[in-house]
N, C-alpha and C. Protein backbone atom coordinates (compact mmCIF):
# COMPACT_ATOMS: atom_id res chain seq x y z
N UNK A 1 59.33 120.56 90.21
CA UNK A 1 59.18 121.92 90.63
C UNK A 1 57.78 122.06 91.24
N UNK A 2 57.68 122.61 92.42
CA UNK A 2 56.40 122.76 93.10
C UNK A 2 55.75 124.07 92.67
N UNK A 3 54.48 123.99 92.29
CA UNK A 3 53.73 125.18 91.90
C UNK A 3 52.59 125.37 92.88
N UNK A 4 52.27 126.63 93.18
CA UNK A 4 51.19 126.92 94.11
C UNK A 4 50.37 128.08 93.57
N UNK A 5 49.05 127.95 93.63
CA UNK A 5 48.18 129.04 93.21
C UNK A 5 48.17 130.09 94.31
N UNK A 6 48.38 131.34 93.92
CA UNK A 6 48.38 132.43 94.89
C UNK A 6 47.67 133.62 94.25
N UNK A 7 46.38 133.83 94.63
CA UNK A 7 45.57 134.93 94.09
C UNK A 7 45.52 134.89 92.57
N UNK A 8 45.32 133.71 92.05
CA UNK A 8 45.16 133.58 90.62
C UNK A 8 46.46 133.45 89.85
N UNK A 9 47.57 133.70 90.48
CA UNK A 9 48.86 133.59 89.79
C UNK A 9 49.60 132.37 90.34
N UNK A 10 50.40 131.76 89.48
CA UNK A 10 51.20 130.62 89.92
C UNK A 10 52.54 131.13 90.42
N UNK A 11 52.95 130.64 91.59
CA UNK A 11 54.26 131.01 92.13
C UNK A 11 55.10 129.75 92.28
N UNK A 12 56.34 129.86 91.94
CA UNK A 12 57.26 128.73 92.10
C UNK A 12 57.78 128.76 93.52
N UNK A 13 57.56 127.66 94.24
CA UNK A 13 58.06 127.56 95.60
C UNK A 13 59.50 127.10 95.59
N UNK A 14 60.14 127.30 96.71
CA UNK A 14 61.53 126.90 96.86
C UNK A 14 61.68 125.39 96.65
N UNK A 15 62.68 125.02 95.87
CA UNK A 15 62.96 123.62 95.60
C UNK A 15 64.39 123.33 96.02
N UNK A 16 64.62 122.12 96.49
CA UNK A 16 65.96 121.70 96.83
C UNK A 16 66.24 120.34 96.21
N UNK A 17 67.52 120.13 95.88
CA UNK A 17 67.98 118.86 95.34
C UNK A 17 68.86 118.19 96.38
N UNK A 18 68.76 116.88 96.50
CA UNK A 18 69.66 116.13 97.36
C UNK A 18 70.77 115.58 96.47
N UNK A 19 72.00 116.05 96.75
CA UNK A 19 73.15 115.68 95.93
C UNK A 19 74.24 115.05 96.79
N UNK A 20 75.10 114.29 96.16
CA UNK A 20 76.26 113.72 96.83
C UNK A 20 77.13 114.86 97.36
N UNK A 21 77.46 114.82 98.65
CA UNK A 21 78.33 115.82 99.27
C UNK A 21 79.74 115.28 99.43
N UNK A 22 79.85 114.06 99.93
CA UNK A 22 81.14 113.46 100.27
C UNK A 22 81.14 111.99 99.88
N UNK A 23 82.32 111.51 99.43
CA UNK A 23 82.42 110.07 99.12
C UNK A 23 83.86 109.61 99.36
N UNK A 24 83.97 108.52 100.10
CA UNK A 24 85.24 107.81 100.25
C UNK A 24 85.03 106.49 99.52
N UNK A 25 85.77 106.30 98.44
CA UNK A 25 85.55 105.14 97.57
C UNK A 25 86.64 104.09 97.78
N UNK A 26 86.21 102.84 97.91
CA UNK A 26 87.07 101.66 98.03
C UNK A 26 87.85 101.62 99.35
N UNK A 27 87.24 102.13 100.43
CA UNK A 27 87.86 102.03 101.75
C UNK A 27 87.88 100.56 102.18
N UNK A 28 89.00 100.10 102.71
CA UNK A 28 89.13 98.71 103.15
C UNK A 28 88.79 98.61 104.63
N UNK A 29 87.89 97.68 104.96
CA UNK A 29 87.52 97.46 106.36
C UNK A 29 88.73 96.94 107.12
N UNK A 30 89.06 97.60 108.23
CA UNK A 30 90.21 97.21 109.05
C UNK A 30 89.80 96.56 110.36
N UNK A 31 88.53 96.64 110.71
CA UNK A 31 88.09 96.04 111.96
C UNK A 31 86.58 95.99 112.04
N UNK A 32 86.09 95.19 112.98
CA UNK A 32 84.66 95.06 113.23
C UNK A 32 84.46 94.78 114.71
N UNK A 33 83.51 95.48 115.31
CA UNK A 33 83.25 95.32 116.74
C UNK A 33 81.76 95.18 116.98
N UNK A 34 81.32 93.95 117.21
CA UNK A 34 79.91 93.70 117.48
C UNK A 34 79.44 94.35 118.77
N UNK A 35 80.32 94.48 119.74
CA UNK A 35 79.94 94.99 121.06
C UNK A 35 79.81 96.51 121.12
N UNK A 36 80.27 97.20 120.08
CA UNK A 36 80.14 98.66 120.06
C UNK A 36 78.70 99.01 119.75
N UNK A 37 78.23 100.17 120.19
CA UNK A 37 76.82 100.53 120.07
C UNK A 37 76.36 100.89 118.67
N UNK A 38 77.24 101.00 117.73
CA UNK A 38 76.80 101.29 116.37
C UNK A 38 77.71 102.29 115.69
N UNK A 39 77.54 102.47 114.43
CA UNK A 39 78.24 103.46 113.62
C UNK A 39 79.37 102.85 112.80
N UNK A 40 80.06 103.73 112.10
CA UNK A 40 81.24 103.35 111.32
C UNK A 40 82.37 104.27 111.75
N UNK A 41 83.49 103.70 112.17
CA UNK A 41 84.65 104.51 112.56
C UNK A 41 85.51 104.74 111.32
N UNK A 42 85.85 106.01 111.09
CA UNK A 42 86.68 106.41 109.95
C UNK A 42 87.82 107.26 110.49
N UNK A 43 89.05 106.99 110.07
CA UNK A 43 90.17 107.83 110.48
C UNK A 43 89.83 109.29 110.21
N UNK A 44 90.10 110.14 111.20
CA UNK A 44 89.70 111.55 111.13
C UNK A 44 90.21 112.24 109.88
N UNK A 45 91.45 111.97 109.48
CA UNK A 45 92.00 112.66 108.31
C UNK A 45 91.26 112.29 107.03
N UNK A 46 90.85 111.03 106.90
CA UNK A 46 90.10 110.60 105.71
C UNK A 46 88.71 111.23 105.68
N UNK A 47 88.07 111.29 106.85
CA UNK A 47 86.74 111.88 106.94
C UNK A 47 86.79 113.38 106.65
N UNK A 48 87.73 114.06 107.26
CA UNK A 48 87.83 115.52 107.08
C UNK A 48 88.18 115.90 105.65
N UNK A 49 88.95 115.07 104.97
CA UNK A 49 89.33 115.35 103.59
C UNK A 49 88.10 115.53 102.70
N UNK A 50 87.08 114.71 102.92
CA UNK A 50 85.87 114.79 102.09
C UNK A 50 84.75 115.60 102.75
N UNK A 51 85.03 116.19 103.90
CA UNK A 51 84.05 117.07 104.53
C UNK A 51 83.03 116.38 105.41
N UNK A 52 83.28 115.15 105.83
CA UNK A 52 82.39 114.50 106.80
C UNK A 52 82.60 115.13 108.16
N UNK A 53 81.53 115.17 108.96
CA UNK A 53 81.65 115.65 110.33
C UNK A 53 81.21 114.53 111.27
N UNK A 54 81.69 114.55 112.52
CA UNK A 54 81.30 113.49 113.46
C UNK A 54 79.78 113.40 113.60
N UNK A 55 79.28 112.19 113.61
CA UNK A 55 77.87 111.84 113.77
C UNK A 55 77.02 112.16 112.55
N UNK A 56 77.65 112.48 111.43
CA UNK A 56 76.90 112.73 110.20
C UNK A 56 76.33 111.42 109.67
N UNK A 57 75.10 111.47 109.19
CA UNK A 57 74.45 110.30 108.59
C UNK A 57 75.19 109.95 107.30
N UNK A 58 75.46 108.65 107.14
CA UNK A 58 76.15 108.18 105.94
C UNK A 58 75.42 106.97 105.36
N UNK A 59 75.60 106.80 104.07
CA UNK A 59 75.14 105.60 103.36
C UNK A 59 76.40 104.84 102.98
N UNK A 60 76.43 103.56 103.30
CA UNK A 60 77.62 102.74 103.05
C UNK A 60 77.22 101.58 102.15
N UNK A 61 78.03 101.33 101.12
CA UNK A 61 77.80 100.16 100.28
C UNK A 61 79.06 99.29 100.33
N UNK A 62 78.84 98.00 100.46
CA UNK A 62 79.93 97.03 100.52
C UNK A 62 80.12 96.47 99.11
N UNK A 63 81.27 96.76 98.52
CA UNK A 63 81.53 96.32 97.15
C UNK A 63 81.72 94.82 97.03
N UNK A 64 82.04 94.14 98.13
CA UNK A 64 82.27 92.69 98.09
C UNK A 64 80.98 91.88 98.13
N UNK A 65 79.99 92.33 98.94
CA UNK A 65 78.79 91.51 99.10
C UNK A 65 77.49 92.21 98.70
N UNK A 66 77.57 93.47 98.28
CA UNK A 66 76.39 94.18 97.81
C UNK A 66 75.53 94.78 98.90
N UNK A 67 75.88 94.58 100.16
CA UNK A 67 75.09 95.17 101.26
C UNK A 67 75.16 96.69 101.21
N UNK A 68 74.04 97.33 101.56
CA UNK A 68 73.97 98.78 101.70
C UNK A 68 73.32 99.06 103.04
N UNK A 69 73.83 100.04 103.76
CA UNK A 69 73.25 100.38 105.06
C UNK A 69 73.51 101.84 105.40
N UNK A 70 72.63 102.38 106.24
CA UNK A 70 72.79 103.73 106.75
C UNK A 70 73.24 103.66 108.19
N UNK A 71 74.12 104.55 108.56
CA UNK A 71 74.58 104.67 109.94
C UNK A 71 75.11 106.09 110.10
N UNK A 72 75.99 106.30 111.05
CA UNK A 72 76.62 107.61 111.21
C UNK A 72 78.11 107.42 111.38
N UNK A 73 78.85 108.47 111.04
CA UNK A 73 80.31 108.40 111.09
C UNK A 73 80.81 108.88 112.45
N UNK A 74 81.78 108.16 112.99
CA UNK A 74 82.54 108.66 114.12
C UNK A 74 84.01 108.65 113.71
N UNK A 75 84.78 109.53 114.31
CA UNK A 75 86.17 109.67 113.90
C UNK A 75 87.08 108.78 114.74
N UNK A 76 88.00 108.12 114.05
CA UNK A 76 89.04 107.36 114.70
C UNK A 76 90.35 108.13 114.61
N UNK A 77 91.39 107.56 115.14
CA UNK A 77 92.69 108.21 115.15
C UNK A 77 93.15 108.52 113.72
N UNK A 78 93.64 109.74 113.53
CA UNK A 78 94.10 110.18 112.21
C UNK A 78 95.34 109.41 111.78
N UNK A 79 95.49 109.30 110.47
CA UNK A 79 96.66 108.71 109.81
C UNK A 79 96.89 107.23 110.17
N UNK A 80 95.81 106.55 110.54
CA UNK A 80 95.91 105.12 110.84
C UNK A 80 95.16 104.28 109.81
N UNK A 81 94.39 104.93 108.93
CA UNK A 81 93.63 104.20 107.91
C UNK A 81 92.51 103.36 108.49
N UNK A 82 91.94 103.80 109.59
CA UNK A 82 90.91 103.01 110.29
C UNK A 82 89.56 103.12 109.58
N UNK A 83 88.98 101.97 109.29
CA UNK A 83 87.62 101.85 108.80
C UNK A 83 87.02 100.65 109.56
N UNK A 84 86.20 100.93 110.56
CA UNK A 84 85.67 99.86 111.41
C UNK A 84 84.16 99.81 111.40
N UNK A 85 83.63 98.62 111.18
CA UNK A 85 82.20 98.36 111.28
C UNK A 85 81.87 98.12 112.75
N UNK A 86 80.90 98.86 113.28
CA UNK A 86 80.57 98.75 114.70
C UNK A 86 79.12 98.32 114.90
N UNK A 87 78.88 97.59 115.97
CA UNK A 87 77.53 97.15 116.30
C UNK A 87 76.97 96.23 115.23
N UNK A 88 75.69 96.42 114.93
CA UNK A 88 75.01 95.55 113.96
C UNK A 88 75.66 95.58 112.59
N UNK A 89 76.28 96.70 112.23
CA UNK A 89 76.91 96.79 110.90
C UNK A 89 78.09 95.82 110.76
N UNK A 90 78.63 95.35 111.89
CA UNK A 90 79.73 94.38 111.83
C UNK A 90 79.30 93.08 111.15
N UNK A 91 77.98 92.83 111.10
CA UNK A 91 77.47 91.64 110.41
C UNK A 91 77.42 91.83 108.90
N UNK A 92 77.62 93.07 108.43
CA UNK A 92 77.42 93.39 107.01
C UNK A 92 78.71 93.44 106.20
N UNK A 93 79.80 93.03 106.82
CA UNK A 93 81.07 93.01 106.12
C UNK A 93 82.13 92.34 106.96
N UNK A 94 83.30 92.18 106.36
CA UNK A 94 84.42 91.57 107.09
C UNK A 94 85.69 92.33 106.77
N UNK A 95 86.72 92.09 107.56
CA UNK A 95 88.00 92.76 107.35
C UNK A 95 88.47 92.48 105.93
N UNK A 96 88.89 93.55 105.26
CA UNK A 96 89.34 93.46 103.88
C UNK A 96 88.29 93.85 102.85
N UNK A 97 87.00 93.79 103.22
CA UNK A 97 85.96 94.22 102.29
C UNK A 97 86.19 95.67 101.91
N UNK A 98 85.80 96.03 100.69
CA UNK A 98 85.94 97.40 100.20
C UNK A 98 84.58 98.09 100.27
N UNK A 99 84.56 99.28 100.86
CA UNK A 99 83.32 100.04 101.07
C UNK A 99 83.35 101.35 100.30
N UNK A 100 82.16 101.82 99.95
CA UNK A 100 81.97 103.19 99.49
C UNK A 100 81.15 103.88 100.57
N UNK A 101 81.67 104.99 101.10
CA UNK A 101 81.05 105.74 102.19
C UNK A 101 80.59 107.07 101.61
N UNK A 102 79.28 107.35 101.70
CA UNK A 102 78.72 108.54 101.07
C UNK A 102 77.88 109.35 102.04
N UNK A 103 77.90 110.67 101.87
CA UNK A 103 76.95 111.54 102.56
C UNK A 103 76.34 112.47 101.52
N UNK A 104 75.16 112.95 101.84
CA UNK A 104 74.39 113.77 100.91
C UNK A 104 73.96 115.04 101.61
N UNK A 105 73.67 116.07 100.85
CA UNK A 105 73.18 117.33 101.40
C UNK A 105 72.14 117.90 100.44
N UNK A 106 71.33 118.81 100.98
CA UNK A 106 70.29 119.46 100.17
C UNK A 106 70.79 120.82 99.71
N UNK A 107 70.53 121.11 98.43
CA UNK A 107 71.00 122.34 97.82
C UNK A 107 69.87 123.00 97.04
N UNK A 108 69.85 124.32 97.04
CA UNK A 108 68.92 125.05 96.18
C UNK A 108 69.40 124.87 94.74
N UNK A 109 68.56 125.18 93.75
CA UNK A 109 69.02 125.07 92.36
C UNK A 109 70.28 125.91 92.09
N UNK A 110 70.37 127.08 92.70
CA UNK A 110 71.53 127.93 92.50
C UNK A 110 72.79 127.29 93.11
N UNK A 111 72.64 126.73 94.30
CA UNK A 111 73.78 126.06 94.94
C UNK A 111 74.17 124.80 94.18
N UNK A 112 73.16 124.07 93.70
CA UNK A 112 73.41 122.82 92.98
C UNK A 112 74.21 123.08 91.70
N UNK A 113 73.95 124.21 91.05
CA UNK A 113 74.66 124.53 89.81
C UNK A 113 76.15 124.72 90.04
N UNK A 114 76.54 125.09 91.24
CA UNK A 114 77.95 125.34 91.56
C UNK A 114 78.60 124.20 92.36
N UNK A 115 77.79 123.25 92.78
CA UNK A 115 78.27 122.20 93.68
C UNK A 115 79.17 121.17 93.00
N UNK A 116 80.21 120.77 93.72
CA UNK A 116 81.05 119.65 93.31
C UNK A 116 81.31 118.81 94.56
N UNK A 117 81.00 117.53 94.52
CA UNK A 117 81.24 116.70 95.71
C UNK A 117 82.73 116.54 95.97
N UNK A 118 83.06 116.22 97.21
CA UNK A 118 84.45 115.93 97.60
C UNK A 118 84.59 114.41 97.63
N UNK A 119 85.48 113.88 96.79
CA UNK A 119 85.61 112.44 96.61
C UNK A 119 87.06 112.02 96.75
N UNK A 120 87.27 110.97 97.55
CA UNK A 120 88.62 110.39 97.61
C UNK A 120 88.54 108.92 97.25
N UNK A 121 89.57 108.44 96.58
CA UNK A 121 89.72 107.04 96.21
C UNK A 121 90.89 106.50 97.02
N UNK A 122 90.67 105.37 97.69
CA UNK A 122 91.70 104.79 98.55
C UNK A 122 92.25 103.50 97.95
N UNK A 123 93.49 103.17 98.31
CA UNK A 123 94.05 101.87 97.94
C UNK A 123 93.76 100.87 99.06
N UNK A 124 94.31 99.67 98.96
CA UNK A 124 94.02 98.61 99.94
C UNK A 124 94.55 98.91 101.34
N UNK A 125 95.46 99.89 101.46
CA UNK A 125 95.99 100.31 102.77
C UNK A 125 95.28 101.56 103.29
N UNK A 126 94.19 101.94 102.63
CA UNK A 126 93.42 103.14 102.95
C UNK A 126 94.25 104.42 102.85
N UNK A 127 95.13 104.43 101.86
CA UNK A 127 95.87 105.64 101.52
C UNK A 127 95.17 106.30 100.34
N UNK A 128 95.14 107.62 100.33
CA UNK A 128 94.48 108.36 99.26
C UNK A 128 95.32 108.27 97.99
N UNK A 129 94.70 107.77 96.92
CA UNK A 129 95.38 107.70 95.62
C UNK A 129 94.83 108.73 94.65
N UNK A 130 93.62 109.25 94.92
CA UNK A 130 93.05 110.31 94.09
C UNK A 130 92.07 111.11 94.93
N UNK A 131 92.04 112.41 94.68
CA UNK A 131 91.12 113.30 95.38
C UNK A 131 90.51 114.27 94.38
N UNK A 132 89.20 114.47 94.49
CA UNK A 132 88.49 115.45 93.67
C UNK A 132 87.62 116.28 94.61
N UNK A 133 87.62 117.57 94.41
CA UNK A 133 86.76 118.40 95.24
C UNK A 133 87.26 119.81 95.31
N UNK A 134 87.01 120.43 96.45
CA UNK A 134 87.38 121.83 96.60
C UNK A 134 88.89 122.01 96.47
N UNK A 135 89.28 123.20 96.10
CA UNK A 135 90.69 123.48 95.85
C UNK A 135 91.56 123.43 97.09
N UNK A 136 90.96 123.62 98.26
CA UNK A 136 91.76 123.71 99.48
C UNK A 136 91.75 122.39 100.25
N UNK A 137 92.20 121.33 99.62
CA UNK A 137 92.26 120.01 100.27
C UNK A 137 93.32 120.03 101.37
N UNK A 138 93.04 119.37 102.50
CA UNK A 138 94.06 119.27 103.54
C UNK A 138 95.33 118.61 103.00
N UNK A 139 96.44 118.86 103.65
CA UNK A 139 97.70 118.32 103.15
C UNK A 139 97.84 116.85 103.51
N UNK A 140 97.42 115.99 102.62
CA UNK A 140 97.58 114.55 102.76
C UNK A 140 98.52 114.09 101.66
N UNK A 141 99.31 113.11 101.98
CA UNK A 141 100.19 112.54 100.96
C UNK A 141 99.37 111.62 100.08
N UNK A 142 99.35 111.89 98.79
CA UNK A 142 98.63 111.05 97.84
C UNK A 142 99.65 110.11 97.22
N UNK A 143 99.37 108.81 97.32
CA UNK A 143 100.32 107.80 96.86
C UNK A 143 99.89 107.28 95.51
N UNK A 144 100.82 106.68 94.79
CA UNK A 144 100.51 106.02 93.52
C UNK A 144 100.18 104.57 93.80
N UNK A 145 99.18 104.03 93.13
CA UNK A 145 98.82 102.62 93.32
C UNK A 145 99.84 101.73 92.66
């Protein structure tokens, strides 16, 4: 908590917390393109489900090799299960690797107290098997593993 002296009295300045906003867990890499200029392609329906927007900064962790990297999300064709490593990130994984894709946002203490991240868990075909988050999730078919 930041404190500042103001005419002899201490005032609490505005504070923000950086919290998980969106997470796609166990996404399977479906392609890699070294010649693309960069980013991670995610099927639009999977990205929208967790509240990602095009060109949003993301943190990606590769569950197979331990690599972690930052890039930005671009949307691929919906309902295709596309997860593609583009540009330099194509060196950080291979087809079939499982990724966790995360984005974060800043919240005031009041907002943080009410915040719940939007999280989806995918199977090996990049189908949603579990979803947690806001009550108004888009209509996606959730399959059993």
